[in-house]
Amino acid sequence: MNTKEHILRETFSLMNRLGVQAMTMDMVAAACGMSKRTLYEQFGSKRSLVGQALRMAEEECGRDLKRIFTESANCFEAMLKTYQLIHSHIERTSTVLVHDVRRMFPELDGERGS
């Protein structure tokens, strides 16, 4: 795992545990064993760091879904595995993270677009 991926994983973990608003760049820096200055040099802002951590999680989920559909013997197996994956993500995602992301990134909130 490279440094950027390590930072994004630690960020996502902190966001999920504390929420985006409560998580600070100092906390991320401490969790990664680096200075806050290094974080700002690499990501520019907390918003950018959060956005990239969310994008990483989305890309991982997309890869998991592609793998499910590639490896499943039939559509029913694929549907069941997809349900299990989504259910697992829902159980692991804190409500405070969902709330904060909706506030910070309203363009991602499909419910408001309906």
PDB file of N, CA and C in Angstrom:
ATOM      1  N   MET A   1       0.855  -1.177   0.000  1.00  0.00           N
ATOM      2  CA  MET A   1       0.000   0.000   0.000  1.00  0.00           C
ATOM      3  C   MET A   1       0.901   1.239   0.000  1.00  0.00           C
ATOM      4  N   ASN A   2       0.632   2.148  -0.924  1.00  0.00           N
ATOM      5  CA  ASN A   2       1.450   3.360  -0.984  1.00  0.00           C
ATOM      6  C   ASN A   2       0.967   4.389   0.049  1.00  0.00           C
ATOM      7  N   THR A   3       1.734   5.458   0.200  1.00  0.00           N
ATOM      8  CA  THR A   3       1.442   6.471   1.216  1.00  0.00           C
ATOM      9  C   THR A   3       0.068   7.103   1.014  1.00  0.00           C
ATOM     10  N   LYS A   4      -0.251   7.461  -0.225  1.00  0.00           N
ATOM     11  CA  LYS A   4      -1.542   8.110  -0.487  1.00  0.00           C
ATOM     12  C   LYS A   4      -2.691   7.182  -0.124  1.00  0.00           C
ATOM     13  N   GLU A   5      -2.600   5.929  -0.506  1.00  0.00           N
ATOM     14  CA  GLU A   5      -3.655   4.968  -0.179  1.00  0.00           C
ATOM     15  C   GLU A   5      -3.780   4.807   1.339  1.00  0.00           C
ATOM     16  N   HIS A   6      -2.638   4.766   2.033  1.00  0.00           N
ATOM     17  CA  HIS A   6      -2.642   4.662   3.497  1.00  0.00           C
ATOM     18  C   HIS A   6      -3.377   5.856   4.112  1.00  0.00           C
ATOM     19  N   ILE A   7      -3.081   7.046   3.626  1.00  0.00           N
ATOM     20  CA  ILE A   7      -3.736   8.258   4.136  1.00  0.00           C
ATOM     21  C   ILE A   7      -5.242   8.186   3.886  1.00  0.00           C
ATOM     22  N   LEU A   8      -5.642   7.796   2.676  1.00  0.00           N
ATOM     23  CA  LEU A   8      -7.065   7.746   2.342  1.00  0.00           C
ATOM     24  C   LEU A   8      -7.791   6.698   3.179  1.00  0.00           C
ATOM     25  N   ARG A   9      -7.168   5.569   3.433  1.00  0.00           N
ATOM     26  CA  ARG A   9      -7.795   4.532   4.266  1.00  0.00           C
ATOM     27  C   ARG A   9      -7.951   5.003   5.714  1.00  0.00           C
ATOM     28  N   GLU A  10      -6.916   5.634   6.238  1.00  0.00           N
ATOM     29  CA  GLU A  10      -6.994   6.164   7.613  1.00  0.00           C
ATOM     30  C   GLU A  10      -8.060   7.250   7.697  1.00  0.00           C
ATOM     31  N   THR A  11      -8.118   8.095   6.678  1.00  0.00           N
ATOM     32  CA  THR A  11      -9.120   9.159   6.641  1.00  0.00           C
ATOM     33  C   THR A  11     -10.522   8.568   6.646  1.00  0.00           C
ATOM     34  N   PHE A  12     -10.759   7.577   5.779  1.00  0.00           N
ATOM     35  CA  PHE A  12     -12.089   6.983   5.718  1.00  0.00           C
ATOM     36  C   PHE A  12     -12.460   6.333   7.043  1.00  0.00           C
ATOM     37  N   SER A  13     -11.507   5.670   7.668  1.00  0.00           N
ATOM     38  CA  SER A  13     -11.753   5.039   8.965  1.00  0.00           C
ATOM     39  C   SER A  13     -12.140   6.078  10.021  1.00  0.00           C
ATOM     40  N   LEU A  14     -11.397   7.173  10.072  1.00  0.00           N
ATOM     41  CA  LEU A  14     -11.719   8.246  11.029  1.00  0.00           C
ATOM     42  C   LEU A  14     -13.068   8.882  10.715  1.00  0.00           C
ATOM     43  N   MET A  15     -13.331   9.137   9.425  1.00  0.00           N
ATOM     44  CA  MET A  15     -14.616   9.735   9.029  1.00  0.00           C
ATOM     45  C   MET A  15     -15.763   8.836   9.458  1.00  0.00           C
ATOM     46  N   ASN A  16     -15.612   7.554   9.259  1.00  0.00           N
ATOM     47  CA  ASN A  16     -16.679   6.616   9.580  1.00  0.00           C
ATOM     48  C   ASN A  16     -16.898   6.521  11.085  1.00  0.00           C
ATOM     49  N   ARG A  17     -15.822   6.635  11.841  1.00  0.00           N
ATOM     50  CA  ARG A  17     -15.935   6.520  13.296  1.00  0.00           C
ATOM     51  C   ARG A  17     -16.423   7.821  13.939  1.00  0.00           C
ATOM     52  N   LEU A  18     -15.925   8.971  13.457  1.00  0.00           N
ATOM     53  CA  LEU A  18     -16.195  10.249  14.120  1.00  0.00           C
ATOM     54  C   LEU A  18     -17.140  11.165  13.357  1.00  0.00           C
ATOM     55  N   GLY A  19     -17.243  10.943  12.058  1.00  0.00           N
ATOM     56  CA  GLY A  19     -17.947  11.886  11.193  1.00  0.00           C
ATOM     57  C   GLY A  19     -16.941  12.834  10.572  1.00  0.00           C
ATOM     58  N   VAL A  20     -17.312  13.412   9.463  1.00  0.00           N
ATOM     59  CA  VAL A  20     -16.402  14.306   8.738  1.00  0.00           C
ATOM     60  C   VAL A  20     -16.165  15.577   9.530  1.00  0.00           C
ATOM     61  N   GLN A  21     -17.218  16.131  10.093  1.00  0.00           N
ATOM     62  CA  GLN A  21     -17.103  17.407  10.799  1.00  0.00           C
ATOM     63  C   GLN A  21     -16.185  17.292  12.014  1.00  0.00           C
ATOM     64  N   ALA A  22     -16.298  16.197  12.772  1.00  0.00           N
ATOM     65  CA  ALA A  22     -15.490  16.037  13.990  1.00  0.00           C
ATOM     66  C   ALA A  22     -14.049  15.646  13.693  1.00  0.00           C
ATOM     67  N   MET A  23     -13.823  15.013  12.553  1.00  0.00           N
ATOM     68  CA  MET A  23     -12.474  14.596  12.187  1.00  0.00           C
ATOM     69  C   MET A  23     -11.649  15.826  11.809  1.00  0.00           C
ATOM     70  N   THR A  24     -10.447  15.883  12.320  1.00  0.00           N
ATOM     71  CA  THR A  24      -9.570  17.008  11.994  1.00  0.00           C
ATOM     72  C   THR A  24      -8.355  16.521  11.209  1.00  0.00           C
ATOM     73  N   MET A  25      -7.708  17.449  10.544  1.00  0.00           N
ATOM     74  CA  MET A  25      -6.485  17.119   9.821  1.00  0.00           C
ATOM     75  C   MET A  25      -5.395  16.689  10.813  1.00  0.00           C
ATOM     76  N   ASP A  26      -5.411  17.248  12.015  1.00  0.00           N
ATOM     77  CA  ASP A  26      -4.459  16.824  13.046  1.00  0.00           C
ATOM     78  C   ASP A  26      -4.652  15.340  13.372  1.00  0.00           C
ATOM     79  N   MET A  27      -5.911  14.911  13.464  1.00  0.00           N
ATOM     80  CA  MET A  27      -6.202  13.507  13.749  1.00  0.00           C
ATOM     81  C   MET A  27      -5.707  12.596  12.632  1.00  0.00           C
ATOM     82  N   VAL A  28      -5.944  13.009  11.393  1.00  0.00           N
ATOM     83  CA  VAL A  28      -5.498  12.213  10.241  1.00  0.00           C
ATOM     84  C   VAL A  28      -3.977  12.138  10.245  1.00  0.00           C
ATOM     85  N   ALA A  29      -3.317  13.273  10.460  1.00  0.00           N
ATOM     86  CA  ALA A  29      -1.851  13.295  10.473  1.00  0.00           C
ATOM     87  C   ALA A  29      -1.311  12.367  11.556  1.00  0.00           C
ATOM     88  N   ALA A  30      -1.899  12.426  12.741  1.00  0.00           N
ATOM     89  CA  ALA A  30      -1.440  11.571  13.840  1.00  0.00           C
ATOM     90  C   ALA A  30      -1.658  10.096  13.508  1.00  0.00           C
ATOM     91  N   ALA A  31      -2.815   9.764  12.941  1.00  0.00           N
ATOM     92  CA  ALA A  31      -3.117   8.370  12.582  1.00  0.00           C
ATOM     93  C   ALA A  31      -2.162   7.847  11.515  1.00  0.00           C
ATOM     94  N   CYS A  32      -1.681   8.746  10.662  1.00  0.00           N
ATOM     95  CA  CYS A  32      -0.782   8.356   9.568  1.00  0.00           C
ATOM     96  C   CYS A  32       0.690   8.499   9.938  1.00  0.00           C
ATOM     97  N   GLY A  33       0.964   9.082  11.107  1.00  0.00           N
ATOM     98  CA  GLY A  33       2.345   9.271  11.530  1.00  0.00           C
ATOM     99  C   GLY A  33       3.091  10.290  10.691  1.00  0.00           C
ATOM    100  N   MET A  34       2.410  11.376  10.334  1.00  0.00           N
ATOM    101  CA  MET A  34       3.038  12.421   9.523  1.00  0.00           C
ATOM    102  C   MET A  34       2.563  13.780  10.002  1.00  0.00           C
ATOM    103  N   SER A  35       3.120  14.821   9.419  1.00  0.00           N
ATOM    104  CA  SER A  35       2.721  16.174   9.810  1.00  0.00           C
ATOM    105  C   SER A  35       1.464  16.602   9.059  1.00  0.00           C
ATOM    106  N   LYS A  36       0.762  17.531   9.675  1.00  0.00           N
ATOM    107  CA  LYS A  36      -0.420  18.104   9.029  1.00  0.00           C
ATOM    108  C   LYS A  36      -0.007  18.840   7.753  1.00  0.00           C
ATOM    109  N   ARG A  37       1.148  19.444   7.781  1.00  0.00           N
ATOM    110  CA  ARG A  37       1.650  20.155   6.595  1.00  0.00           C
ATOM    111  C   ARG A  37       1.765  19.210   5.402  1.00  0.00           C
ATOM    112  N   THR A  38       2.249  17.983   5.648  1.00  0.00           N
ATOM    113  CA  THR A  38       2.376  16.996   4.577  1.00  0.00           C
ATOM    114  C   THR A  38       1.011  16.675   3.981  1.00  0.00           C
ATOM    115  N   LEU A  39      -0.004  16.558   4.831  1.00  0.00           N
ATOM    116  CA  LEU A  39      -1.369  16.303   4.339  1.00  0.00           C
ATOM    117  C   LEU A  39      -1.838  17.431   3.434  1.00  0.00           C
ATOM    118  N   TYR A  40      -1.648  18.667   3.886  1.00  0.00           N
ATOM    119  CA  TYR A  40      -2.085  19.810   3.087  1.00  0.00           C
ATOM    120  C   TYR A  40      -1.294  19.919   1.780  1.00  0.00           C
ATOM    121  N   GLU A  41      -0.015  19.556   1.811  1.00  0.00           N
ATOM    122  CA  GLU A  41       0.780  19.583   0.585  1.00  0.00           C
ATOM    123  C   GLU A  41       0.265  18.555  -0.425  1.00  0.00           C
ATOM    124  N   GLN A  42      -0.164  17.409   0.087  1.00  0.00           N
ATOM    125  CA  GLN A  42      -0.605  16.340  -0.810  1.00  0.00           C
ATOM    126  C   GLN A  42      -2.066  16.499  -1.246  1.00  0.00           C
ATOM    127  N   PHE A  43      -2.933  17.036  -0.373  1.00  0.00           N
ATOM    128  CA  PHE A  43      -4.365  17.070  -0.675  1.00  0.00           C
ATOM    129  C   PHE A  43      -4.955  18.478  -0.779  1.00  0.00           C
ATOM    130  N   GLY A  44      -4.265  19.477  -0.284  1.00  0.00           N
ATOM    131  CA  GLY A  44      -4.727  20.856  -0.440  1.00  0.00           C
ATOM    132  C   GLY A  44      -5.714  21.318   0.613  1.00  0.00           C
ATOM    133  N   SER A  45      -6.707  20.490   0.925  1.00  0.00           N
ATOM    134  CA  SER A  45      -7.727  20.886   1.893  1.00  0.00           C
ATOM    135  C   SER A  45      -8.393  19.642   2.478  1.00  0.00           C
ATOM    136  N   LYS A  46      -9.079  19.843   3.575  1.00  0.00           N
ATOM    137  CA  LYS A  46      -9.824  18.745   4.183  1.00  0.00           C
ATOM    138  C   LYS A  46     -10.903  18.253   3.222  1.00  0.00           C
ATOM    139  N   ARG A  47     -11.584  19.164   2.567  1.00  0.00           N
ATOM    140  CA  ARG A  47     -12.641  18.793   1.622  1.00  0.00           C
ATOM    141  C   ARG A  47     -12.089  17.892   0.503  1.00  0.00           C
ATOM    142  N   SER A  48     -10.917  18.252  -0.010  1.00  0.00           N
ATOM    143  CA  SER A  48     -10.295  17.456  -1.058  1.00  0.00           C
ATOM    144  C   SER A  48      -9.913  16.070  -0.530  1.00  0.00           C
ATOM    145  N   LEU A  49      -9.356  16.015   0.661  1.00  0.00           N
ATOM    146  CA  LEU A  49      -8.986  14.744   1.273  1.00  0.00           C
ATOM    147  C   LEU A  49     -10.216  13.865   1.465  1.00  0.00           C
ATOM    148  N   VAL A  50     -11.276  14.439   2.001  1.00  0.00           N
ATOM    149  CA  VAL A  50     -12.524  13.695   2.220  1.00  0.00           C
ATOM    150  C   VAL A  50     -13.077  13.210   0.877  1.00  0.00           C
ATOM    151  N   GLY A  51     -13.102  14.077  -0.114  1.00  0.00           N
ATOM    152  CA  GLY A  51     -13.609  13.702  -1.433  1.00  0.00           C
ATOM    153  C   GLY A  51     -12.826  12.544  -2.033  1.00  0.00           C
ATOM    154  N   GLN A  52     -11.501  12.588  -1.894  1.00  0.00           N
ATOM    155  CA  GLN A  52     -10.681  11.509  -2.442  1.00  0.00           C
ATOM    156  C   GLN A  52     -10.860  10.207  -1.660  1.00  0.00           C
ATOM    157  N   ALA A  53     -11.063  10.300  -0.356  1.00  0.00           N
ATOM    158  CA  ALA A  53     -11.316   9.098   0.453  1.00  0.00           C
ATOM    159  C   ALA A  53     -12.649   8.471   0.052  1.00  0.00           C
ATOM    160  N   LEU A  54     -13.652   9.306  -0.192  1.00  0.00           N
ATOM    161  CA  LEU A  54     -14.956   8.799  -0.642  1.00  0.00           C
ATOM    162  C   LEU A  54     -14.837   8.166  -2.026  1.00  0.00           C
ATOM    163  N   ARG A  55     -14.076   8.800  -2.909  1.00  0.00           N
ATOM    164  CA  ARG A  55     -13.869   8.255  -4.248  1.00  0.00           C
ATOM    165  C   ARG A  55     -13.170   6.897  -4.194  1.00  0.00           C
ATOM    166  N   MET A  56     -12.188   6.768  -3.310  1.00  0.00           N
ATOM    167  CA  MET A  56     -11.487   5.499  -3.147  1.00  0.00           C
ATOM    168  C   MET A  56     -12.457   4.403  -2.706  1.00  0.00           C
ATOM    169  N   ALA A  57     -13.315   4.727  -1.733  1.00  0.00           N
ATOM    170  CA  ALA A  57     -14.291   3.745  -1.243  1.00  0.00           C
ATOM    171  C   ALA A  57     -15.268   3.362  -2.354  1.00  0.00           C
ATOM    172  N   GLU A  58     -15.682   4.339  -3.147  1.00  0.00           N
ATOM    173  CA  GLU A  58     -16.587   4.078  -4.264  1.00  0.00           C
ATOM    174  C   GLU A  58     -15.930   3.166  -5.303  1.00  0.00           C
ATOM    175  N   GLU A  59     -14.670   3.447  -5.610  1.00  0.00           N
ATOM    176  CA  GLU A  59     -13.956   2.631  -6.593  1.00  0.00           C
ATOM    177  C   GLU A  59     -13.785   1.196  -6.106  1.00  0.00           C
ATOM    178  N   GLU A  60     -13.515   1.020  -4.820  1.00  0.00           N
ATOM    179  CA  GLU A  60     -13.388  -0.332  -4.261  1.00  0.00           C
ATOM    180  C   GLU A  60     -14.710  -1.083  -4.358  1.00  0.00           C
ATOM    181  N   CYS A  61     -15.785  -0.389  -4.061  1.00  0.00           N
ATOM    182  CA  CYS A  61     -17.113  -1.005  -4.162  1.00  0.00           C
ATOM    183  C   CYS A  61     -17.399  -1.396  -5.610  1.00  0.00           C
ATOM    184  N   GLY A  62     -17.056  -0.531  -6.547  1.00  0.00           N
ATOM    185  CA  GLY A  62     -17.248  -0.832  -7.964  1.00  0.00           C
ATOM    186  C   GLY A  62     -16.459  -2.057  -8.393  1.00  0.00           C
ATOM    187  N   ARG A  63     -15.208  -2.156  -7.911  1.00  0.00           N
ATOM    188  CA  ARG A  63     -14.397  -3.340  -8.233  1.00  0.00           C
ATOM    189  C   ARG A  63     -15.024  -4.603  -7.640  1.00  0.00           C
ATOM    190  N   ASP A  64     -15.541  -4.498  -6.424  1.00  0.00           N
ATOM    191  CA  ASP A  64     -16.199  -5.652  -5.792  1.00  0.00           C
ATOM    192  C   ASP A  64     -17.420  -6.087  -6.602  1.00  0.00           C
ATOM    193  N   LEU A  65     -18.202  -5.127  -7.065  1.00  0.00           N
ATOM    194  CA  LEU A  65     -19.389  -5.459  -7.863  1.00  0.00           C
ATOM    195  C   LEU A  65     -19.004  -6.099  -9.194  1.00  0.00           C
ATOM    196  N   LYS A  66     -17.979  -5.573  -9.847  1.00  0.00           N
ATOM    197  CA  LYS A  66     -17.528  -6.171 -11.113  1.00  0.00           C
ATOM    198  C   LYS A  66     -17.065  -7.606 -10.891  1.00  0.00           C
ATOM    199  N   ARG A  67     -16.338  -7.824  -9.791  1.00  0.00           N
ATOM    200  CA  ARG A  67     -15.867  -9.165  -9.482  1.00  0.00           C
ATOM    201  C   ARG A  67     -17.045 -10.109  -9.256  1.00  0.00           C
ATOM    202  N   ILE A  68     -18.056  -9.642  -8.547  1.00  0.00           N
ATOM    203  CA  ILE A  68     -19.247 -10.458  -8.297  1.00  0.00           C
ATOM    204  C   ILE A  68     -19.877 -10.889  -9.612  1.00  0.00           C
ATOM    205  N   PHE A  69     -20.068  -9.938 -10.512  1.00  0.00           N
ATOM    206  CA  PHE A  69     -20.749 -10.261 -11.767  1.00  0.00           C
ATOM    207  C   PHE A  69     -19.863 -11.091 -12.701  1.00  0.00           C
ATOM    208  N   THR A  70     -18.562 -10.961 -12.571  1.00  0.00           N
ATOM    209  CA  THR A  70     -17.651 -11.754 -13.392  1.00  0.00           C
ATOM    210  C   THR A  70     -17.581 -13.199 -12.888  1.00  0.00           C
ATOM    211  N   GLU A  71     -17.573 -13.368 -11.580  1.00  0.00           N
ATOM    212  CA  GLU A  71     -17.347 -14.689 -10.997  1.00  0.00           C
ATOM    213  C   GLU A  71     -18.621 -15.474 -10.697  1.00  0.00           C
ATOM    214  N   SER A  72     -19.780 -14.836 -10.738  1.00  0.00           N
ATOM    215  CA  SER A  72     -21.030 -15.535 -10.402  1.00  0.00           C
ATOM    216  C   SER A  72     -21.452 -16.465 -11.535  1.00  0.00           C
ATOM    217  N   ALA A  73     -22.009 -17.597 -11.141  1.00  0.00           N
ATOM    218  CA  ALA A  73     -22.424 -18.606 -12.121  1.00  0.00           C
ATOM    219  C   ALA A  73     -23.696 -18.199 -12.856  1.00  0.00           C
ATOM    220  N   ASN A  74     -24.546 -17.377 -12.193  1.00  0.00           N
ATOM    221  CA  ASN A  74     -25.805 -16.969 -12.818  1.00  0.00           C
ATOM    222  C   ASN A  74     -26.279 -15.664 -12.188  1.00  0.00           C
ATOM    223  N   CYS A  75     -27.352 -15.111 -12.727  1.00  0.00           N
ATOM    224  CA  CYS A  75     -27.814 -13.802 -12.255  1.00  0.00           C
ATOM    225  C   CYS A  75     -28.342 -13.861 -10.821  1.00  0.00           C
ATOM    226  N   PHE A  76     -28.891 -14.992 -10.400  1.00  0.00           N
ATOM    227  CA  PHE A  76     -29.422 -15.093  -9.042  1.00  0.00           C
ATOM    228  C   PHE A  76     -28.291 -15.093  -8.014  1.00  0.00           C
ATOM    229  N   GLU A  77     -27.221 -15.799  -8.345  1.00  0.00           N
ATOM    230  CA  GLU A  77     -26.049 -15.774  -7.463  1.00  0.00           C
ATOM    231  C   GLU A  77     -25.481 -14.366  -7.396  1.00  0.00           C
ATOM    232  N   ALA A  78     -25.396 -13.691  -8.526  1.00  0.00           N
ATOM    233  CA  ALA A  78     -24.886 -12.317  -8.570  1.00  0.00           C
ATOM    234  C   ALA A  78     -25.773 -11.384  -7.750  1.00  0.00           C
ATOM    235  N   MET A  79     -27.090 -11.542  -7.860  1.00  0.00           N
ATOM    236  CA  MET A  79     -28.009 -10.694  -7.094  1.00  0.00           C
ATOM    237  C   MET A  79     -27.826 -10.919  -5.598  1.00  0.00           C
ATOM    238  N   LEU A  80     -27.710 -12.174  -5.175  1.00  0.00           N
ATOM    239  CA  LEU A  80     -27.548 -12.485  -3.760  1.00  0.00           C
ATOM    240  C   LEU A  80     -26.238 -11.906  -3.232  1.00  0.00           C
ATOM    241  N   LYS A  81     -25.152 -12.104  -3.967  1.00  0.00           N
ATOM    242  CA  LYS A  81     -23.857 -11.571  -3.534  1.00  0.00           C
ATOM    243  C   LYS A  81     -23.863 -10.044  -3.521  1.00  0.00           C
ATOM    244  N   THR A  82     -24.551  -9.431  -4.467  1.00  0.00           N
ATOM    245  CA  THR A  82     -24.665  -7.971  -4.499  1.00  0.00           C
ATOM    246  C   THR A  82     -25.425  -7.480  -3.272  1.00  0.00           C
ATOM    247  N   TYR A  83     -26.522  -8.139  -2.952  1.00  0.00           N
ATOM    248  CA  TYR A  83     -27.285  -7.783  -1.755  1.00  0.00           C
ATOM    249  C   TYR A  83     -26.403  -7.898  -0.514  1.00  0.00           C
ATOM    250  N   GLN A  84     -25.657  -8.990  -0.406  1.00  0.00           N
ATOM    251  CA  GLN A  84     -24.794  -9.207   0.763  1.00  0.00           C
ATOM    252  C   GLN A  84     -23.729  -8.113   0.864  1.00  0.00           C
ATOM    253  N   LEU A  85     -23.153  -7.732  -0.268  1.00  0.00           N
ATOM    254  CA  LEU A  85     -22.145  -6.674  -0.276  1.00  0.00           C
ATOM    255  C   LEU A  85     -22.749  -5.345   0.181  1.00  0.00           C
ATOM    256  N   ILE A  86     -23.878  -4.993  -0.386  1.00  0.00           N
ATOM    257  CA  ILE A  86     -24.519  -3.724  -0.021  1.00  0.00           C
ATOM    258  C   ILE A  86     -24.939  -3.730   1.443  1.00  0.00           C
ATOM    259  N   HIS A  87     -25.496  -4.838   1.898  1.00  0.00           N
ATOM    260  CA  HIS A  87     -25.901  -4.967   3.299  1.00  0.00           C
ATOM    261  C   HIS A  87     -24.703  -4.783   4.227  1.00  0.00           C
ATOM    262  N   SER A  88     -23.579  -5.372   3.860  1.00  0.00           N
ATOM    263  CA  SER A  88     -22.355  -5.242   4.645  1.00  0.00           C
ATOM    264  C   SER A  88     -21.891  -3.789   4.701  1.00  0.00           C
ATOM    265  N   HIS A  89     -21.942  -3.095   3.566  1.00  0.00           N
ATOM    266  CA  HIS A  89     -21.540  -1.683   3.532  1.00  0.00           C
ATOM    267  C   HIS A  89     -22.464  -0.830   4.398  1.00  0.00           C
ATOM    268  N   ILE A  90     -23.745  -1.111   4.344  1.00  0.00           N
ATOM    269  CA  ILE A  90     -24.712  -0.345   5.146  1.00  0.00           C
ATOM    270  C   ILE A  90     -24.449  -0.556   6.629  1.00  0.00           C
ATOM    271  N   GLU A  91     -24.200  -1.793   7.021  1.00  0.00           N
ATOM    272  CA  GLU A  91     -23.940  -2.083   8.436  1.00  0.00           C
ATOM    273  C   GLU A  91     -22.665  -1.412   8.936  1.00  0.00           C
ATOM    274  N   ARG A  92     -21.659  -1.293   8.085  1.00  0.00           N
ATOM    275  CA  ARG A  92     -20.366  -0.733   8.493  1.00  0.00           C
ATOM    276  C   ARG A  92     -20.308   0.785   8.405  1.00  0.00           C
ATOM    277  N   THR A  93     -21.268   1.421   7.741  1.00  0.00           N
ATOM    278  CA  THR A  93     -21.230   2.862   7.542  1.00  0.00           C
ATOM    279  C   THR A  93     -22.031   3.563   8.638  1.00  0.00           C
ATOM    280  N   SER A  94     -21.374   4.485   9.329  1.00  0.00           N
ATOM    281  CA  SER A  94     -22.042   5.189  10.430  1.00  0.00           C
ATOM    282  C   SER A  94     -23.020   6.235   9.892  1.00  0.00           C
ATOM    283  N   THR A  95     -24.065   6.469  10.661  1.00  0.00           N
ATOM    284  CA  THR A  95     -25.053   7.477  10.261  1.00  0.00           C
ATOM    285  C   THR A  95     -24.461   8.881  10.286  1.00  0.00           C
ATOM    286  N   VAL A  96     -23.502   9.119  11.186  1.00  0.00           N
ATOM    287  CA  VAL A  96     -22.884  10.446  11.242  1.00  0.00           C
ATOM    288  C   VAL A  96     -22.085  10.705   9.964  1.00  0.00           C
ATOM    289  N   LEU A  97     -21.454   9.673   9.409  1.00  0.00           N
ATOM    290  CA  LEU A  97     -20.741   9.848   8.141  1.00  0.00           C
ATOM    291  C   LEU A  97     -21.721  10.197   7.025  1.00  0.00           C
ATOM    292  N   VAL A  98     -22.815   9.472   6.942  1.00  0.00           N
ATOM    293  CA  VAL A  98     -23.820   9.736   5.908  1.00  0.00           C
ATOM    294  C   VAL A  98     -24.347  11.163   6.041  1.00  0.00           C
ATOM    295  N   HIS A  99     -24.677  11.571   7.251  1.00  0.00           N
ATOM    296  CA  HIS A  99     -25.202  12.917   7.501  1.00  0.00           C
ATOM    297  C   HIS A  99     -24.192  13.993   7.066  1.00  0.00           C
ATOM    298  N   ASP A 100     -22.934  13.824   7.479  1.00  0.00           N
ATOM    299  CA  ASP A 100     -21.912  14.818   7.149  1.00  0.00           C
ATOM    300  C   ASP A 100     -21.635  14.876   5.649  1.00  0.00           C
ATOM    301  N   VAL A 101     -21.604  13.728   4.994  1.00  0.00           N
ATOM    302  CA  VAL A 101     -21.355  13.711   3.550  1.00  0.00           C
ATOM    303  C   VAL A 101     -22.503  14.391   2.817  1.00  0.00           C
ATOM    304  N   ARG A 102     -23.725  14.144   3.248  1.00  0.00           N
ATOM    305  CA  ARG A 102     -24.881  14.816   2.625  1.00  0.00           C
ATOM    306  C   ARG A 102     -24.767  16.330   2.746  1.00  0.00           C
ATOM    307  N   ARG A 103     -24.278  16.810   3.881  1.00  0.00           N
ATOM    308  CA  ARG A 103     -24.131  18.249   4.079  1.00  0.00           C
ATOM    309  C   ARG A 103     -22.969  18.820   3.267  1.00  0.00           C
ATOM    310  N   MET A 104     -21.836  18.104   3.260  1.00  0.00           N
ATOM    311  CA  MET A 104     -20.638  18.618   2.586  1.00  0.00           C
ATOM    312  C   MET A 104     -20.686  18.449   1.077  1.00  0.00           C
ATOM    313  N   PHE A 105     -21.326  17.376   0.623  1.00  0.00           N
ATOM    314  CA  PHE A 105     -21.355  17.042  -0.799  1.00  0.00           C
ATOM    315  C   PHE A 105     -22.806  16.811  -1.238  1.00  0.00           C
ATOM    316  N   PRO A 106     -23.633  17.858  -1.240  1.00  0.00           N
ATOM    317  CA  PRO A 106     -25.045  17.667  -1.594  1.00  0.00           C
ATOM    318  C   PRO A 106     -25.236  17.109  -3.008  1.00  0.00           C
ATOM    319  N   GLU A 107     -24.260  17.322  -3.877  1.00  0.00           N
ATOM    320  CA  GLU A 107     -24.367  16.794  -5.243  1.00  0.00           C
ATOM    321  C   GLU A 107     -24.331  15.271  -5.276  1.00  0.00           C
ATOM    322  N   LEU A 108     -23.880  14.633  -4.208  1.00  0.00           N
ATOM    323  CA  LEU A 108     -23.833  13.176  -4.147  1.00  0.00           C
ATOM    324  C   LEU A 108     -25.125  12.568  -3.608  1.00  0.00           C
ATOM    325  N   ASP A 109     -25.977  13.398  -3.058  1.00  0.00           N
ATOM    326  CA  ASP A 109     -27.187  12.925  -2.387  1.00  0.00           C
ATOM    327  C   ASP A 109     -28.305  12.714  -3.403  1.00  0.00           C
ATOM    328  N   GLY A 110     -28.481  11.492  -3.847  1.00  0.00           N
ATOM    329  CA  GLY A 110     -29.510  11.145  -4.830  1.00  0.00           C
ATOM    330  C   GLY A 110     -30.923  11.392  -4.335  1.00  0.00           C
ATOM    331  N   GLU A 111     -31.133  11.354  -3.001  1.00  0.00           N
ATOM    332  CA  GLU A 111     -32.482  11.578  -2.454  1.00  0.00           C
ATOM    333  C   GLU A 111     -32.966  12.990  -2.714  1.00  0.00           C
ATOM    334  N   ARG A 112     -32.083  13.948  -2.710  1.00  0.00           N
ATOM    335  CA  ARG A 112     -32.496  15.338  -2.921  1.00  0.00           C
ATOM    336  C   ARG A 112     -32.789  15.623  -4.377  1.00  0.00           C
ATOM    337  N   GLY A 113     -32.193  14.830  -5.258  1.00  0.00           N
ATOM    338  CA  GLY A 113     -32.422  15.028  -6.684  1.00  0.00           C
ATOM    339  C   GLY A 113     -33.761  14.483  -7.152  1.00  0.00           C
ATOM    340  N   SER A 114     -34.412  13.683  -6.309  1.00  0.00           N
ATOM    341  CA  SER A 114     -35.695  13.063  -6.695  1.00  0.00           C
ATOM    342  C   SER A 114     -36.853  13.980  -6.485  1.00  0.00           C
TER     343      SER A 114
END
